[in-house]
PDB file of all heavy atoms in Angstrom:
ATOM      1  N   VAL A   1      35.290  21.084  43.060  1.00  0.00           N
ATOM      2  CA  VAL A   1      36.322  22.114  43.205  1.00  0.00           C
ATOM      3  C   VAL A   1      35.670  23.407  43.770  1.00  0.00           C
ATOM      4  O   VAL A   1      36.266  24.021  44.654  1.00  0.00           O
ATOM      5  CB  VAL A   1      36.972  22.383  41.862  1.00  0.00           C
ATOM      6  CG1 VAL A   1      37.892  23.645  41.933  1.00  0.00           C
ATOM      7  CG2 VAL A   1      37.783  21.202  41.397  1.00  0.00           C
ATOM      8  N   SER A   2      34.450  23.742  43.323  1.00  0.00           N
ATOM      9  CA  SER A   2      33.825  24.955  43.813  1.00  0.00           C
ATOM     10  C   SER A   2      33.339  24.841  45.228  1.00  0.00           C
ATOM     11  O   SER A   2      33.109  25.841  45.865  1.00  0.00           O
ATOM     12  CB  SER A   2      32.670  25.338  42.886  1.00  0.00           C
ATOM     13  OG  SER A   2      31.650  24.326  42.905  1.00  0.00           O
ATOM     14  N   ASN A   3      33.176  23.562  45.674  1.00  0.00           N
ATOM     15  CA  ASN A   3      32.715  23.344  47.070  1.00  0.00           C
ATOM     16  C   ASN A   3      33.964  23.126  48.000  1.00  0.00           C
ATOM     17  O   ASN A   3      34.398  24.006  48.656  1.00  0.00           O
ATOM     18  CB  ASN A   3      31.864  22.128  47.093  1.00  0.00           C
ATOM     19  CG  ASN A   3      31.232  21.896  48.503  1.00  0.00           C
ATOM     20  OD1 ASN A   3      31.562  22.609  49.447  1.00  0.00           O
ATOM     21  ND2 ASN A   3      30.370  20.952  48.589  1.00  0.00           N
ATOM     22  N   SER A   4      34.599  21.993  47.883  1.00  0.00           N
ATOM     23  CA  SER A   4      35.727  21.636  48.757  1.00  0.00           C
ATOM     24  C   SER A   4      36.921  22.568  48.443  1.00  0.00           C
ATOM     25  O   SER A   4      37.610  23.112  49.395  1.00  0.00           O
ATOM     26  CB  SER A   4      36.147  20.179  48.592  1.00  0.00           C
ATOM     27  OG  SER A   4      35.138  19.340  49.060  1.00  0.00           O
ATOM     28  N   GLY A   5      37.207  22.710  47.139  1.00  0.00           N
ATOM     29  CA  GLY A   5      38.384  23.532  46.744  1.00  0.00           C
ATOM     30  C   GLY A   5      38.205  24.963  47.198  1.00  0.00           C
ATOM     31  O   GLY A   5      39.213  25.610  47.678  1.00  0.00           O
ATOM     32  N   ALA A   6      37.044  25.486  47.057  1.00  0.00           N
ATOM     33  CA  ALA A   6      36.811  26.879  47.405  1.00  0.00           C
ATOM     34  C   ALA A   6      36.923  27.143  48.892  1.00  0.00           C
ATOM     35  O   ALA A   6      37.477  28.103  49.386  1.00  0.00           O
ATOM     36  CB  ALA A   6      35.465  27.368  46.833  1.00  0.00           C
ATOM     37  N   ILE A   7      36.313  26.210  49.611  1.00  0.00           N
ATOM     38  CA  ILE A   7      36.404  26.306  51.093  1.00  0.00           C
ATOM     39  C   ILE A   7      37.864  26.290  51.523  1.00  0.00           C
ATOM     40  O   ILE A   7      38.271  27.076  52.404  1.00  0.00           O
ATOM     41  CB  ILE A   7      35.616  25.160  51.768  1.00  0.00           C
ATOM     42  CG1 ILE A   7      34.102  25.381  51.594  1.00  0.00           C
ATOM     43  CG2 ILE A   7      35.963  25.024  53.277  1.00  0.00           C
ATOM     44  CD1 ILE A   7      33.226  24.270  52.123  1.00  0.00           C
ATOM     45  N   CYS A   8      38.675  25.310  51.016  1.00  0.00           N
ATOM     46  CA  CYS A   8      40.055  25.217  51.423  1.00  0.00           C
ATOM     47  C   CYS A   8      40.817  26.525  51.017  1.00  0.00           C
ATOM     48  O   CYS A   8      41.558  27.091  51.899  1.00  0.00           O
ATOM     49  CB  CYS A   8      40.719  24.026  50.700  1.00  0.00           C
ATOM     50  SG  CYS A   8      40.197  22.410  51.338  1.00  0.00           S
ATOM     51  N   MET A   9      40.692  26.985  49.780  1.00  0.00           N
ATOM     52  CA  MET A   9      41.515  28.105  49.339  1.00  0.00           C
ATOM     53  C   MET A   9      41.094  29.412  49.997  1.00  0.00           C
ATOM     54  O   MET A   9      41.923  30.178  50.473  1.00  0.00           O
ATOM     55  CB  MET A   9      41.384  28.252  47.782  1.00  0.00           C
ATOM     56  CG  MET A   9      42.249  29.306  47.207  1.00  0.00           C
ATOM     57  SD  MET A   9      44.027  28.993  47.482  1.00  0.00           S
ATOM     58  CE  MET A   9      44.341  27.733  46.357  1.00  0.00           C
ATOM     59  N   LEU A  10      39.757  29.692  50.032  1.00  0.00           N
ATOM     60  CA  LEU A  10      39.283  30.888  50.605  1.00  0.00           C
ATOM     61  C   LEU A  10      39.576  30.960  52.112  1.00  0.00           C
ATOM     62  O   LEU A  10      39.928  32.048  52.654  1.00  0.00           O
ATOM     63  CB  LEU A  10      37.785  31.091  50.346  1.00  0.00           C
ATOM     64  CG  LEU A  10      37.392  31.311  48.920  1.00  0.00           C
ATOM     65  CD1 LEU A  10      35.836  31.341  48.789  1.00  0.00           C
ATOM     66  CD2 LEU A  10      37.996  32.599  48.346  1.00  0.00           C
ATOM     67  N   SER A  11      39.433  29.843  52.766  1.00  0.00           N
ATOM     68  CA  SER A  11      39.705  29.818  54.242  1.00  0.00           C
ATOM     69  C   SER A  11      41.209  30.033  54.486  1.00  0.00           C
ATOM     70  O   SER A  11      41.609  30.784  55.417  1.00  0.00           O
ATOM     71  CB  SER A  11      39.326  28.469  54.792  1.00  0.00           C
ATOM     72  OG  SER A  11      37.918  28.203  54.712  1.00  0.00           O
ATOM     73  N   PHE A  12      42.066  29.441  53.598  1.00  0.00           N
ATOM     74  CA  PHE A  12      43.498  29.629  53.800  1.00  0.00           C
ATOM     75  C   PHE A  12      43.916  31.075  53.614  1.00  0.00           C
ATOM     76  O   PHE A  12      44.693  31.625  54.391  1.00  0.00           O
ATOM     77  CB  PHE A  12      44.255  28.703  52.800  1.00  0.00           C
ATOM     78  CG  PHE A  12      45.706  28.744  52.944  1.00  0.00           C
ATOM     79  CD1 PHE A  12      46.341  28.305  54.107  1.00  0.00           C
ATOM     80  CD2 PHE A  12      46.509  29.200  51.916  1.00  0.00           C
ATOM     81  CE1 PHE A  12      47.733  28.348  54.246  1.00  0.00           C
ATOM     82  CE2 PHE A  12      47.931  29.229  52.022  1.00  0.00           C
ATOM     83  CZ  PHE A  12      48.511  28.790  53.214  1.00  0.00           C
ATOM     84  N   ILE A  13      43.358  31.696  52.528  1.00  0.00           N
ATOM     85  CA  ILE A  13      43.652  33.139  52.251  1.00  0.00           C
ATOM     86  C   ILE A  13      43.154  34.001  53.417  1.00  0.00           C
ATOM     87  O   ILE A  13      43.844  34.935  53.844  1.00  0.00           O
ATOM     88  CB  ILE A  13      42.991  33.585  50.926  1.00  0.00           C
ATOM     89  CG1 ILE A  13      43.673  32.802  49.762  1.00  0.00           C
ATOM     90  CG2 ILE A  13      43.062  35.062  50.730  1.00  0.00           C
ATOM     91  CD1 ILE A  13      42.955  33.048  48.436  1.00  0.00           C
ATOM     92  N   LEU A  14      41.966  33.735  53.912  1.00  0.00           N
ATOM     93  CA  LEU A  14      41.373  34.467  55.034  1.00  0.00           C
ATOM     94  C   LEU A  14      42.312  34.364  56.289  1.00  0.00           C
ATOM     95  O   LEU A  14      42.517  35.394  56.966  1.00  0.00           O
ATOM     96  CB  LEU A  14      39.979  33.981  55.370  1.00  0.00           C
ATOM     97  CG  LEU A  14      39.229  34.645  56.485  1.00  0.00           C
ATOM     98  CD1 LEU A  14      38.977  36.117  56.177  1.00  0.00           C
ATOM     99  CD2 LEU A  14      37.899  33.931  56.779  1.00  0.00           C
ATOM    100  N   LEU A  15      42.777  33.171  56.577  1.00  0.00           N
ATOM    101  CA  LEU A  15      43.590  32.930  57.704  1.00  0.00           C
ATOM    102  C   LEU A  15      44.918  33.678  57.538  1.00  0.00           C
ATOM    103  O   LEU A  15      45.437  34.298  58.521  1.00  0.00           O
ATOM    104  CB  LEU A  15      43.840  31.474  57.905  1.00  0.00           C
ATOM    105  CG  LEU A  15      42.665  30.678  58.463  1.00  0.00           C
ATOM    106  CD1 LEU A  15      42.811  29.162  58.296  1.00  0.00           C
ATOM    107  CD2 LEU A  15      42.428  31.068  59.924  1.00  0.00           C
ATOM    108  N   LEU A  16      45.512  33.626  56.361  1.00  0.00           N
ATOM    109  CA  LEU A  16      46.787  34.322  56.089  1.00  0.00           C
ATOM    110  C   LEU A  16      46.611  35.809  56.274  1.00  0.00           C
ATOM    111  O   LEU A  16      47.479  36.511  56.897  1.00  0.00           O
ATOM    112  CB  LEU A  16      47.273  34.046  54.642  1.00  0.00           C
ATOM    113  CG  LEU A  16      47.820  32.672  54.375  1.00  0.00           C
ATOM    114  CD1 LEU A  16      48.291  32.551  52.935  1.00  0.00           C
ATOM    115  CD2 LEU A  16      49.022  32.348  55.340  1.00  0.00           C
ATOM    116  N   LEU A  17      45.479  36.363  55.748  1.00  0.00           N
ATOM    117  CA  LEU A  17      45.220  37.803  55.896  1.00  0.00           C
ATOM    118  C   LEU A  17      45.080  38.193  57.352  1.00  0.00           C
ATOM    119  O   LEU A  17      45.550  39.243  57.861  1.00  0.00           O
ATOM    120  CB  LEU A  17      43.992  38.202  55.121  1.00  0.00           C
ATOM    121  CG  LEU A  17      44.065  38.246  53.597  1.00  0.00           C
ATOM    122  CD1 LEU A  17      42.759  38.463  52.946  1.00  0.00           C
ATOM    123  CD2 LEU A  17      45.101  39.229  53.155  1.00  0.00           C
ATOM    124  N   SER A  18      44.411  37.317  58.165  1.00  0.00           N
ATOM    125  CA  SER A  18      44.218  37.619  59.598  1.00  0.00           C
ATOM    126  C   SER A  18      45.581  37.651  60.266  1.00  0.00           C
ATOM    127  O   SER A  18      45.773  38.516  61.160  1.00  0.00           O
ATOM    128  CB  SER A  18      43.263  36.563  60.175  1.00  0.00           C
ATOM    129  OG  SER A  18      43.953  35.314  60.343  1.00  0.00           O
ATOM    130  N   TYR A  19      46.511  36.717  59.973  1.00  0.00           N
ATOM    131  CA  TYR A  19      47.817  36.745  60.594  1.00  0.00           C
ATOM    132  C   TYR A  19      48.644  37.952  60.140  1.00  0.00           C
ATOM    133  O   TYR A  19      49.443  38.487  60.916  1.00  0.00           O
ATOM    134  CB  TYR A  19      48.491  35.431  60.341  1.00  0.00           C
ATOM    135  CG  TYR A  19      47.894  34.279  61.038  1.00  0.00           C
ATOM    136  CD1 TYR A  19      47.410  33.183  60.367  1.00  0.00           C
ATOM    137  CD2 TYR A  19      47.814  34.295  62.466  1.00  0.00           C
ATOM    138  CE1 TYR A  19      46.806  32.124  61.075  1.00  0.00           C
ATOM    139  CE2 TYR A  19      47.243  33.259  63.149  1.00  0.00           C
ATOM    140  CZ  TYR A  19      46.768  32.175  62.470  1.00  0.00           C
ATOM    141  OH  TYR A  19      46.115  31.150  63.160  1.00  0.00           O
ATOM    142  N   VAL A  20      48.448  38.419  58.891  1.00  0.00           N
ATOM    143  CA  VAL A  20      49.171  39.630  58.461  1.00  0.00           C
ATOM    144  C   VAL A  20      48.708  40.840  59.302  1.00  0.00           C
ATOM    145  O   VAL A  20      49.473  41.606  59.740  1.00  0.00           O
ATOM    146  CB  VAL A  20      48.924  39.887  57.009  1.00  0.00           C
ATOM    147  CG1 VAL A  20      49.358  41.256  56.559  1.00  0.00           C
ATOM    148  CG2 VAL A  20      49.589  38.786  56.089  1.00  0.00           C
ATOM    149  N   VAL A  21      47.365  40.920  59.455  1.00  0.00           N
ATOM    150  CA  VAL A  21      46.823  42.013  60.290  1.00  0.00           C
ATOM    151  C   VAL A  21      47.355  41.957  61.743  1.00  0.00           C
ATOM    152  O   VAL A  21      47.658  42.997  62.302  1.00  0.00           O
ATOM    153  CB  VAL A  21      45.278  41.979  60.258  1.00  0.00           C
ATOM    154  CG1 VAL A  21      44.649  42.999  61.214  1.00  0.00           C
ATOM    155  CG2 VAL A  21      44.757  42.230  58.843  1.00  0.00           C
ATOM    156  N   ILE A  22      47.303  40.749  62.274  1.00  0.00           N
ATOM    157  CA  ILE A  22      47.797  40.526  63.655  1.00  0.00           C
ATOM    158  C   ILE A  22      49.252  40.964  63.798  1.00  0.00           C
ATOM    159  O   ILE A  22      49.680  41.718  64.703  1.00  0.00           O
ATOM    160  CB  ILE A  22      47.617  39.076  64.112  1.00  0.00           C
ATOM    161  CG1 ILE A  22      46.098  38.796  64.316  1.00  0.00           C
ATOM    162  CG2 ILE A  22      48.390  38.829  65.384  1.00  0.00           C
ATOM    163  CD1 ILE A  22      45.843  37.328  64.521  1.00  0.00           C
ATOM    164  N   LEU A  23      50.109  40.487  62.876  1.00  0.00           N
ATOM    165  CA  LEU A  23      51.565  40.824  62.895  1.00  0.00           C
ATOM    166  C   LEU A  23      51.709  42.336  62.725  1.00  0.00           C
ATOM    167  O   LEU A  23      52.616  42.924  63.437  1.00  0.00           O
ATOM    168  CB  LEU A  23      52.285  40.064  61.844  1.00  0.00           C
ATOM    169  CG  LEU A  23      52.387  38.547  61.935  1.00  0.00           C
ATOM    170  CD1 LEU A  23      53.059  37.917  60.737  1.00  0.00           C
ATOM    171  CD2 LEU A  23      53.275  38.276  63.207  1.00  0.00           C
ATOM    172  N   TYR A  24      50.975  42.988  61.923  1.00  0.00           N
ATOM    173  CA  TYR A  24      51.089  44.449  61.713  1.00  0.00           C
ATOM    174  C   TYR A  24      50.721  45.182  62.974  1.00  0.00           C
ATOM    175  O   TYR A  24      51.367  46.165  63.379  1.00  0.00           O
ATOM    176  CB  TYR A  24      50.154  44.843  60.555  1.00  0.00           C
ATOM    177  CG  TYR A  24      50.240  46.339  60.260  1.00  0.00           C
ATOM    178  CD1 TYR A  24      51.332  46.897  59.624  1.00  0.00           C
ATOM    179  CD2 TYR A  24      49.207  47.204  60.630  1.00  0.00           C
ATOM    180  CE1 TYR A  24      51.381  48.298  59.344  1.00  0.00           C
ATOM    181  CE2 TYR A  24      49.261  48.562  60.426  1.00  0.00           C
ATOM    182  CZ  TYR A  24      50.355  49.079  59.759  1.00  0.00           C
ATOM    183  OH  TYR A  24      50.427  50.402  59.460  1.00  0.00           O
ATOM    184  N   SER A  25      49.684  44.692  63.655  1.00  0.00           N
ATOM    185  CA  SER A  25      49.228  45.386  64.880  1.00  0.00           C
ATOM    186  C   SER A  25      50.187  45.168  66.042  1.00  0.00           C
ATOM    187  O   SER A  25      50.156  45.981  67.018  1.00  0.00           O
ATOM    188  CB  SER A  25      47.817  44.892  65.273  1.00  0.00           C
ATOM    189  OG  SER A  25      47.893  43.562  65.699  1.00  0.00           O
ATOM    190  N   LEU A  26      51.003  44.186  65.992  1.00  0.00           N
ATOM    191  CA  LEU A  26      51.956  43.914  67.107  1.00  0.00           C
ATOM    192  C   LEU A  26      53.052  44.970  67.276  1.00  0.00           C
ATOM    193  O   LEU A  26      53.760  44.978  68.301  1.00  0.00           O
ATOM    194  CB  LEU A  26      52.608  42.523  66.931  1.00  0.00           C
ATOM    195  CG  LEU A  26      51.764  41.280  67.186  1.00  0.00           C
ATOM    196  CD1 LEU A  26      52.524  40.007  66.851  1.00  0.00           C
ATOM    197  CD2 LEU A  26      51.269  41.290  68.636  1.00  0.00           C
ATOM    198  N   ARG A  27      53.179  45.793  66.295  1.00  0.00           N
ATOM    199  CA  ARG A  27      54.312  46.848  66.347  1.00  0.00           C
ATOM    200  C   ARG A  27      53.999  47.865  67.499  1.00  0.00           C
ATOM    201  O   ARG A  27      54.930  48.470  67.954  1.00  0.00           O
ATOM    202  CB  ARG A  27      54.371  47.573  64.980  1.00  0.00           C
ATOM    203  CG  ARG A  27      53.195  48.558  64.745  1.00  0.00           C
ATOM    204  CD  ARG A  27      53.205  49.044  63.277  1.00  0.00           C
ATOM    205  NE  ARG A  27      52.334  50.191  63.114  1.00  0.00           N
ATOM    206  CZ  ARG A  27      51.016  50.089  63.076  1.00  0.00           C
ATOM    207  NH1 ARG A  27      50.369  48.901  63.254  1.00  0.00           N
ATOM    208  NH2 ARG A  27      50.262  51.192  62.928  1.00  0.00           N
TER     209      ARG A  27
END
């Protein structure tokens, strides 16, 4: 869980945050 699970979850959160920043900058 700390290996595969952490990679999946942290990567997903990082990607979501990146898209939030991108959408915010599009204004």
